[in-house]
C-alpha cells in the first residue's frame, strides 16, 4: 500500500489593493507583507492600482507592495485598472 501526504491548498487574495492617493500605499504594503507569510495562489479581485490603472499607478503603488508576488497572482480587471 502506498500513501500520499495530503497538502493544504491555499487561495488568498483581495481587491482594491494599491491606492497610493489616500494612504500613501500603507495598506497595500501591509497586505503585501501578509502575502509574504502565505504560500499558494493569490487572486486579485480587480482594482489593483488606483486611481486609473496607468503604468505609473502600477509602477509606483502596486509594484512596491505586491509586485514580488506577481508569479503567483491570478488577476481579474476592475473598473480602476484601465482608463
PDB file of N, CA and C in Angstrom:
ATOM      1  N   UNK A   1       0.838  -1.172   0.000  1.00  0.00           N
ATOM      2  CA  UNK A   1       0.000   0.000   0.000  1.00  0.00           C
ATOM      3  C   UNK A   1       0.886   1.238   0.000  1.00  0.00           C
ATOM      4  N   UNK A   2       0.534   2.170  -0.837  1.00  0.00           N
ATOM      5  CA  UNK A   2       1.240   3.444  -0.920  1.00  0.00           C
ATOM      6  C   UNK A   2       0.344   4.534  -0.358  1.00  0.00           C
ATOM      7  N   UNK A   3       0.937   5.404   0.421  1.00  0.00           N
ATOM      8  CA  UNK A   3       0.166   6.528   0.953  1.00  0.00           C
ATOM      9  C   UNK A   3       0.690   7.825   0.355  1.00  0.00           C
ATOM     10  N   UNK A   4      -0.173   8.764   0.257  1.00  0.00           N
ATOM     11  CA  UNK A   4       0.176  10.078  -0.265  1.00  0.00           C
ATOM     12  C   UNK A   4      -0.084  11.113   0.817  1.00  0.00           C
ATOM     13  N   UNK A   5       0.898  11.966   1.019  1.00  0.00           N
ATOM     14  CA  UNK A   5       0.723  13.032   2.008  1.00  0.00           C
ATOM     15  C   UNK A   5      -0.289  14.045   1.488  1.00  0.00           C
ATOM     16  N   UNK A   6      -1.154  14.468   2.357  1.00  0.00           N
ATOM     17  CA  UNK A   6      -2.133  15.488   1.993  1.00  0.00           C
ATOM     18  C   UNK A   6      -1.479  16.861   2.014  1.00  0.00           C
ATOM     19  N   UNK A   7      -1.861  17.676   1.069  1.00  0.00           N
ATOM     20  CA  UNK A   7      -1.384  19.049   1.035  1.00  0.00           C
ATOM     21  C   UNK A   7      -2.576  19.983   1.197  1.00  0.00           C
ATOM     22  N   UNK A   8      -2.348  21.045   1.887  1.00  0.00           N
ATOM     23  CA  UNK A   8      -3.388  22.047   2.055  1.00  0.00           C
ATOM     24  C   UNK A   8      -3.299  23.044   0.908  1.00  0.00           C
ATOM     25  N   UNK A   9      -4.402  23.244   0.239  1.00  0.00           N
ATOM     26  CA  UNK A   9      -4.453  24.236  -0.837  1.00  0.00           C
ATOM     27  C   UNK A   9      -4.726  25.607  -0.237  1.00  0.00           C
ATOM     28  N   UNK A  10      -4.007  26.586  -0.718  1.00  0.00           N
ATOM     29  CA  UNK A  10      -4.184  27.952  -0.230  1.00  0.00           C
ATOM     30  C   UNK A  10      -4.541  28.849  -1.411  1.00  0.00           C
ATOM     31  N   UNK A  11      -5.592  29.622  -1.245  1.00  0.00           N
ATOM     32  CA  UNK A  11      -6.054  30.571  -2.256  1.00  0.00           C
ATOM     33  C   UNK A  11      -6.391  31.852  -1.515  1.00  0.00           C
ATOM     34  N   UNK A  12      -5.512  32.829  -1.604  1.00  0.00           N
ATOM     35  CA  UNK A  12      -5.688  34.083  -0.868  1.00  0.00           C
ATOM     36  C   UNK A  12      -5.768  35.239  -1.847  1.00  0.00           C
ATOM     37  N   UNK A  13      -6.424  36.302  -1.441  1.00  0.00           N
ATOM     38  CA  UNK A  13      -6.468  37.445  -2.336  1.00  0.00           C
ATOM     39  C   UNK A  13      -7.242  38.613  -1.789  1.00  0.00           C
ATOM     40  N   UNK A  14      -7.333  39.624  -2.638  1.00  0.00           N
ATOM     41  CA  UNK A  14      -8.017  40.855  -2.264  1.00  0.00           C
ATOM     42  C   UNK A  14      -8.311  41.658  -3.518  1.00  0.00           C
ATOM     43  N   UNK A  15      -9.092  42.680  -3.352  1.00  0.00           N
ATOM     44  CA  UNK A  15      -9.358  43.646  -4.411  1.00  0.00           C
ATOM     45  C   UNK A  15      -9.153  45.043  -3.853  1.00  0.00           C
ATOM     46  N   UNK A  16      -9.201  46.029  -4.717  1.00  0.00           N
ATOM     47  CA  UNK A  16      -8.977  47.416  -4.283  1.00  0.00           C
ATOM     48  C   UNK A  16      -7.669  47.521  -3.503  1.00  0.00           C
ATOM     49  N   UNK A  17      -6.603  47.088  -4.116  1.00  0.00           N
ATOM     50  CA  UNK A  17      -5.337  46.903  -3.407  1.00  0.00           C
ATOM     51  C   UNK A  17      -4.525  48.174  -3.232  1.00  0.00           C
ATOM     52  N   UNK A  18      -4.039  48.721  -4.330  1.00  0.00           N
ATOM     53  CA  UNK A  18      -2.987  49.725  -4.267  1.00  0.00           C
ATOM     54  C   UNK A  18      -3.526  51.126  -4.541  1.00  0.00           C
ATOM     55  N   UNK A  19      -3.922  51.800  -3.496  1.00  0.00           N
ATOM     56  CA  UNK A  19      -4.413  53.175  -3.597  1.00  0.00           C
ATOM     57  C   UNK A  19      -3.416  54.086  -2.897  1.00  0.00           C
ATOM     58  N   UNK A  20      -2.440  54.556  -3.625  1.00  0.00           N
ATOM     59  CA  UNK A  20      -1.406  55.407  -3.029  1.00  0.00           C
ATOM     60  C   UNK A  20      -1.879  56.824  -2.768  1.00  0.00           C
ATOM     61  N   UNK A  21      -3.032  57.198  -3.323  1.00  0.00           N
ATOM     62  CA  UNK A  21      -3.520  58.565  -3.144  1.00  0.00           C
ATOM     63  C   UNK A  21      -4.024  58.829  -1.737  1.00  0.00           C
ATOM     64  N   UNK A  22      -4.722  57.882  -1.133  1.00  0.00           N
ATOM     65  CA  UNK A  22      -5.367  58.134   0.157  1.00  0.00           C
ATOM     66  C   UNK A  22      -4.477  57.861   1.358  1.00  0.00           C
ATOM     67  N   UNK A  23      -3.621  56.851   1.273  1.00  0.00           N
ATOM     68  CA  UNK A  23      -2.831  56.491   2.450  1.00  0.00           C
ATOM     69  C   UNK A  23      -1.355  56.320   2.136  1.00  0.00           C
ATOM     70  N   UNK A  24      -0.935  56.799   0.981  1.00  0.00           N
ATOM     71  CA  UNK A  24       0.465  56.683   0.601  1.00  0.00           C
ATOM     72  C   UNK A  24       0.907  55.260   0.331  1.00  0.00           C
ATOM     73  N   UNK A  25      -0.040  54.362   0.134  1.00  0.00           N
ATOM     74  CA  UNK A  25       0.284  52.966  -0.137  1.00  0.00           C
ATOM     75  C   UNK A  25       0.470  52.108   1.100  1.00  0.00           C
ATOM     76  N   UNK A  26       0.159  52.656   2.263  1.00  0.00           N
ATOM     77  CA  UNK A  26       0.380  51.926   3.523  1.00  0.00           C
ATOM     78  C   UNK A  26      -0.384  50.610   3.567  1.00  0.00           C
ATOM     79  N   UNK A  27      -1.666  50.634   3.202  1.00  0.00           N
ATOM     80  CA  UNK A  27      -2.453  49.398   3.248  1.00  0.00           C
ATOM     81  C   UNK A  27      -1.954  48.380   2.233  1.00  0.00           C
ATOM     82  N   UNK A  28      -1.554  48.841   1.065  1.00  0.00           N
ATOM     83  CA  UNK A  28      -1.000  47.932   0.061  1.00  0.00           C
ATOM     84  C   UNK A  28       0.274  47.279   0.587  1.00  0.00           C
ATOM     85  N   UNK A  29       1.122  48.047   1.251  1.00  0.00           N
ATOM     86  CA  UNK A  29       2.349  47.490   1.826  1.00  0.00           C
ATOM     87  C   UNK A  29       2.028  46.457   2.905  1.00  0.00           C
ATOM     88  N   UNK A  30       1.049  46.752   3.748  1.00  0.00           N
ATOM     89  CA  UNK A  30       0.678  45.826   4.821  1.00  0.00           C
ATOM     90  C   UNK A  30       0.141  44.511   4.270  1.00  0.00           C
ATOM     91  N   UNK A  31      -0.727  44.590   3.271  1.00  0.00           N
ATOM     92  CA  UNK A  31      -1.270  43.346   2.716  1.00  0.00           C
ATOM     93  C   UNK A  31      -0.203  42.590   1.937  1.00  0.00           C
ATOM     94  N   UNK A  32       0.709  43.306   1.303  1.00  0.00           N
ATOM     95  CA  UNK A  32       1.827  42.639   0.634  1.00  0.00           C
ATOM     96  C   UNK A  32       2.688  41.864   1.614  1.00  0.00           C
ATOM     97  N   UNK A  33       2.915  42.427   2.791  1.00  0.00           N
ATOM     98  CA  UNK A  33       3.684  41.717   3.829  1.00  0.00           C
ATOM     99  C   UNK A  33       2.928  40.496   4.348  1.00  0.00           C
ATOM    100  N   UNK A  34       1.606  40.578   4.409  1.00  0.00           N
ATOM    101  CA  UNK A  34       0.827  39.392   4.792  1.00  0.00           C
ATOM    102  C   UNK A  34       1.048  38.259   3.796  1.00  0.00           C
ATOM    103  N   UNK A  35       1.069  38.597   2.511  1.00  0.00           N
ATOM    104  CA  UNK A  35       1.286  37.575   1.488  1.00  0.00           C
ATOM    105  C   UNK A  35       2.667  36.950   1.590  1.00  0.00           C
ATOM    106  N   UNK A  36       3.635  37.680   2.130  1.00  0.00           N
ATOM    107  CA  UNK A  36       4.973  37.115   2.317  1.00  0.00           C
ATOM    108  C   UNK A  36       4.923  35.869   3.195  1.00  0.00           C
ATOM    109  N   UNK A  37       3.933  35.779   4.054  1.00  0.00           N
ATOM    110  CA  UNK A  37       3.827  34.682   5.021  1.00  0.00           C
ATOM    111  C   UNK A  37       2.872  33.584   4.578  1.00  0.00           C
ATOM    112  N   UNK A  38       2.260  33.741   3.400  1.00  0.00           N
ATOM    113  CA  UNK A  38       1.254  32.790   2.926  1.00  0.00           C
ATOM    114  C   UNK A  38       1.716  32.195   1.606  1.00  0.00           C
ATOM    115  N   UNK A  39       1.803  30.874   1.555  1.00  0.00           N
ATOM    116  CA  UNK A  39       2.112  30.194   0.299  1.00  0.00           C
ATOM    117  C   UNK A  39       0.836  30.026  -0.507  1.00  0.00           C
ATOM    118  N   UNK A  40       0.991  29.752  -1.779  1.00  0.00           N
ATOM    119  CA  UNK A  40      -0.163  29.425  -2.605  1.00  0.00           C
ATOM    120  C   UNK A  40      -0.495  30.496  -3.619  1.00  0.00           C
ATOM    121  N   UNK A  41      -1.610  30.284  -4.267  1.00  0.00           N
ATOM    122  CA  UNK A  41      -2.086  31.170  -5.316  1.00  0.00           C
ATOM    123  C   UNK A  41      -2.751  32.401  -4.715  1.00  0.00           C
ATOM    124  N   UNK A  42      -2.538  33.530  -5.375  1.00  0.00           N
ATOM    125  CA  UNK A  42      -3.111  34.795  -4.919  1.00  0.00           C
ATOM    126  C   UNK A  42      -4.008  35.337  -6.027  1.00  0.00           C
ATOM    127  N   UNK A  43      -5.246  35.669  -5.681  1.00  0.00           N
ATOM    128  CA  UNK A  43      -6.117  36.283  -6.678  1.00  0.00           C
ATOM    129  C   UNK A  43      -6.251  37.773  -6.391  1.00  0.00           C
ATOM    130  N   UNK A  44      -6.411  38.534  -7.448  1.00  0.00           N
ATOM    131  CA  UNK A  44      -6.700  39.961  -7.332  1.00  0.00           C
ATOM    132  C   UNK A  44      -8.086  40.157  -7.920  1.00  0.00           C
ATOM    133  N   UNK A  45      -9.006  40.602  -7.084  1.00  0.00           N
ATOM    134  CA  UNK A  45     -10.408  40.752  -7.480  1.00  0.00           C
ATOM    135  C   UNK A  45     -10.678  42.144  -8.042  1.00  0.00           C
ATOM    136  N   UNK A  46      -9.783  42.621  -8.875  1.00  0.00           N
ATOM    137  CA  UNK A  46      -9.975  43.909  -9.524  1.00  0.00           C
ATOM    138  C   UNK A  46      -9.428  45.080  -8.748  1.00  0.00           C
ATOM    139  N   UNK A  47      -9.235  46.163  -9.471  1.00  0.00           N
ATOM    140  CA  UNK A  47      -8.752  47.427  -8.916  1.00  0.00           C
ATOM    141  C   UNK A  47      -7.415  47.251  -8.193  1.00  0.00           C
ATOM    142  N   UNK A  48      -6.447  46.761  -8.941  1.00  0.00           N
ATOM    143  CA  UNK A  48      -5.117  46.524  -8.384  1.00  0.00           C
ATOM    144  C   UNK A  48      -4.328  47.811  -8.182  1.00  0.00           C
ATOM    145  N   UNK A  49      -4.598  48.844  -8.977  1.00  0.00           N
ATOM    146  CA  UNK A  49      -3.832  50.089  -8.866  1.00  0.00           C
ATOM    147  C   UNK A  49      -4.723  51.296  -9.154  1.00  0.00           C
ATOM    148  N   UNK A  50      -4.816  52.165  -8.192  1.00  0.00           N
ATOM    149  CA  UNK A  50      -5.613  53.385  -8.302  1.00  0.00           C
ATOM    150  C   UNK A  50      -4.732  54.558  -8.692  1.00  0.00           C
ATOM    151  N   UNK A  51      -5.310  55.621  -9.230  1.00  0.00           N
ATOM    152  CA  UNK A  51      -6.736  55.773  -9.463  1.00  0.00           C
ATOM    153  C   UNK A  51      -7.185  55.312 -10.850  1.00  0.00           C
ATOM    154  N   UNK A  52      -6.227  55.133 -11.782  1.00  0.00           N
ATOM    155  CA  UNK A  52      -6.643  54.862 -13.163  1.00  0.00           C
ATOM    156  C   UNK A  52      -6.016  53.629 -13.791  1.00  0.00           C
ATOM    157  N   UNK A  53      -5.217  52.881 -13.062  1.00  0.00           N
ATOM    158  CA  UNK A  53      -4.576  51.706 -13.637  1.00  0.00           C
ATOM    159  C   UNK A  53      -3.535  52.040 -14.690  1.00  0.00           C
ATOM    160  N   UNK A  54      -2.965  53.226 -14.586  1.00  0.00           N
ATOM    161  CA  UNK A  54      -1.931  53.624 -15.540  1.00  0.00           C
ATOM    162  C   UNK A  54      -0.627  52.900 -15.221  1.00  0.00           C
ATOM    163  N   UNK A  55       0.295  52.973 -16.151  1.00  0.00           N
ATOM    164  CA  UNK A  55       1.615  52.390 -15.907  1.00  0.00           C
ATOM    165  C   UNK A  55       2.226  52.995 -14.653  1.00  0.00           C
ATOM    166  N   UNK A  56       2.083  54.298 -14.475  1.00  0.00           N
ATOM    167  CA  UNK A  56       2.621  54.962 -13.281  1.00  0.00           C
ATOM    168  C   UNK A  56       1.950  54.452 -12.009  1.00  0.00           C
ATOM    169  N   UNK A  57       0.631  54.231 -12.035  1.00  0.00           N
ATOM    170  CA  UNK A  57      -0.079  53.711 -10.857  1.00  0.00           C
ATOM    171  C   UNK A  57       0.455  52.327 -10.477  1.00  0.00           C
ATOM    172  N   UNK A  58       0.636  51.468 -11.473  1.00  0.00           N
ATOM    173  CA  UNK A  58       1.161  50.129 -11.194  1.00  0.00           C
ATOM    174  C   UNK A  58       2.612  50.193 -10.729  1.00  0.00           C
ATOM    175  N   UNK A  59       3.418  51.022 -11.389  1.00  0.00           N
ATOM    176  CA  UNK A  59       4.839  51.117 -11.052  1.00  0.00           C
ATOM    177  C   UNK A  59       5.060  51.697  -9.666  1.00  0.00           C
ATOM    178  N   UNK A  60       4.328  52.733  -9.322  1.00  0.00           N
ATOM    179  CA  UNK A  60       4.572  53.450  -8.072  1.00  0.00           C
ATOM    180  C   UNK A  60       3.852  52.887  -6.862  1.00  0.00           C
ATOM    181  N   UNK A  61       2.766  52.161  -7.056  1.00  0.00           N
ATOM    182  CA  UNK A  61       1.988  51.706  -5.901  1.00  0.00           C
ATOM    183  C   UNK A  61       1.861  50.183  -5.836  1.00  0.00           C
ATOM    184  N   UNK A  62       1.392  49.563  -6.908  1.00  0.00           N
ATOM    185  CA  UNK A  62       1.223  48.107  -6.888  1.00  0.00           C
ATOM    186  C   UNK A  62       2.566  47.384  -6.810  1.00  0.00           C
ATOM    187  N   UNK A  63       3.485  47.770  -7.656  1.00  0.00           N
ATOM    188  CA  UNK A  63       4.769  47.062  -7.764  1.00  0.00           C
ATOM    189  C   UNK A  63       5.533  46.991  -6.440  1.00  0.00           C
ATOM    190  N   UNK A  64       5.707  48.095  -5.701  1.00  0.00           N
ATOM    191  CA  UNK A  64       6.449  48.004  -4.443  1.00  0.00           C
ATOM    192  C   UNK A  64       5.748  47.146  -3.384  1.00  0.00           C
ATOM    193  N   UNK A  65       4.440  47.093  -3.428  1.00  0.00           N
ATOM    194  CA  UNK A  65       3.681  46.388  -2.387  1.00  0.00           C
ATOM    195  C   UNK A  65       3.423  44.920  -2.724  1.00  0.00           C
ATOM    196  N   UNK A  66       2.965  44.656  -3.934  1.00  0.00           N
ATOM    197  CA  UNK A  66       2.557  43.303  -4.328  1.00  0.00           C
ATOM    198  C   UNK A  66       3.368  42.739  -5.480  1.00  0.00           C
ATOM    199  N   UNK A  67       4.210  43.547  -6.092  1.00  0.00           N
ATOM    200  CA  UNK A  67       4.926  43.133  -7.292  1.00  0.00           C
ATOM    201  C   UNK A  67       5.741  41.866  -7.129  1.00  0.00           C
ATOM    202  N   UNK A  68       6.321  41.657  -5.969  1.00  0.00           N
ATOM    203  CA  UNK A  68       7.145  40.468  -5.745  1.00  0.00           C
ATOM    204  C   UNK A  68       6.330  39.176  -5.777  1.00  0.00           C
ATOM    205  N   UNK A  69       5.011  39.281  -5.750  1.00  0.00           N
ATOM    206  CA  UNK A  69       4.136  38.105  -5.779  1.00  0.00           C
ATOM    207  C   UNK A  69       3.540  37.845  -7.159  1.00  0.00           C
ATOM    208  N   UNK A  70       3.955  38.608  -8.173  1.00  0.00           N
ATOM    209  CA  UNK A  70       3.327  38.524  -9.500  1.00  0.00           C
ATOM    210  C   UNK A  70       3.315  37.115 -10.080  1.00  0.00           C
ATOM    211  N   UNK A  71       4.329  36.324  -9.840  1.00  0.00           N
ATOM    212  CA  UNK A  71       4.401  34.984 -10.432  1.00  0.00           C
ATOM    213  C   UNK A  71       3.258  34.089  -9.971  1.00  0.00           C
ATOM    214  N   UNK A  72       2.681  34.383  -8.835  1.00  0.00           N
ATOM    215  CA  UNK A  72       1.596  33.530  -8.325  1.00  0.00           C
ATOM    216  C   UNK A  72       0.241  34.230  -8.288  1.00  0.00           C
ATOM    217  N   UNK A  73       0.175  35.438  -8.824  1.00  0.00           N
ATOM    218  CA  UNK A  73      -1.075  36.205  -8.855  1.00  0.00           C
ATOM    219  C   UNK A  73      -1.902  35.836 -10.077  1.00  0.00           C
ATOM    220  N   UNK A  74      -3.197  35.691  -9.846  1.00  0.00           N
ATOM    221  CA  UNK A  74      -4.185  35.486 -10.910  1.00  0.00           C
ATOM    222  C   UNK A  74      -5.158  36.654 -10.833  1.00  0.00           C
ATOM    223  N   UNK A  75      -4.976  37.656 -11.704  1.00  0.00           N
ATOM    224  CA  UNK A  75      -5.784  38.872 -11.615  1.00  0.00           C
ATOM    225  C   UNK A  75      -7.070  38.818 -12.424  1.00  0.00           C
ATOM    226  N   UNK A  76      -8.003  39.631 -12.021  1.00  0.00           N
ATOM    227  CA  UNK A  76      -9.172  39.940 -12.842  1.00  0.00           C
ATOM    228  C   UNK A  76      -9.266  41.466 -12.865  1.00  0.00           C
ATOM    229  N   UNK A  77      -9.643  42.045 -13.992  1.00  0.00           N
ATOM    230  CA  UNK A  77      -9.669  43.506 -14.077  1.00  0.00           C
ATOM    231  C   UNK A  77     -10.854  44.111 -13.334  1.00  0.00           C
ATOM    232  N   UNK A  78     -10.616  45.274 -12.798  1.00  0.00           N
ATOM    233  CA  UNK A  78     -11.669  46.061 -12.175  1.00  0.00           C
ATOM    234  C   UNK A  78     -11.818  47.375 -12.918  1.00  0.00           C
ATOM    235  N   UNK A  79     -12.773  48.167 -12.521  1.00  0.00           N
ATOM    236  CA  UNK A  79     -13.036  49.410 -13.248  1.00  0.00           C
ATOM    237  C   UNK A  79     -11.974  50.480 -13.043  1.00  0.00           C
ATOM    238  N   UNK A  80     -11.060  50.311 -12.093  1.00  0.00           N
ATOM    239  CA  UNK A  80      -9.970  51.265 -11.912  1.00  0.00           C
ATOM    240  C   UNK A  80      -8.653  50.757 -12.487  1.00  0.00           C
ATOM    241  N   UNK A  81      -8.672  49.633 -13.171  1.00  0.00           N
ATOM    242  CA  UNK A  81      -7.442  49.064 -13.718  1.00  0.00           C
ATOM    243  C   UNK A  81      -7.123  49.550 -15.118  1.00  0.00           C
ATOM    244  N   UNK A  82      -7.959  50.377 -15.667  1.00  0.00           N
ATOM    245  CA  UNK A  82      -7.720  50.917 -17.003  1.00  0.00           C
ATOM    246  C   UNK A  82      -8.541  52.186 -17.159  1.00  0.00           C
ATOM    247  N   UNK A  83      -8.093  53.047 -18.035  1.00  0.00           N
ATOM    248  CA  UNK A  83      -8.828  54.280 -18.325  1.00  0.00           C
ATOM    249  C   UNK A  83      -9.620  54.123 -19.588  1.00  0.00           C
TER     250      UNK A  83
END
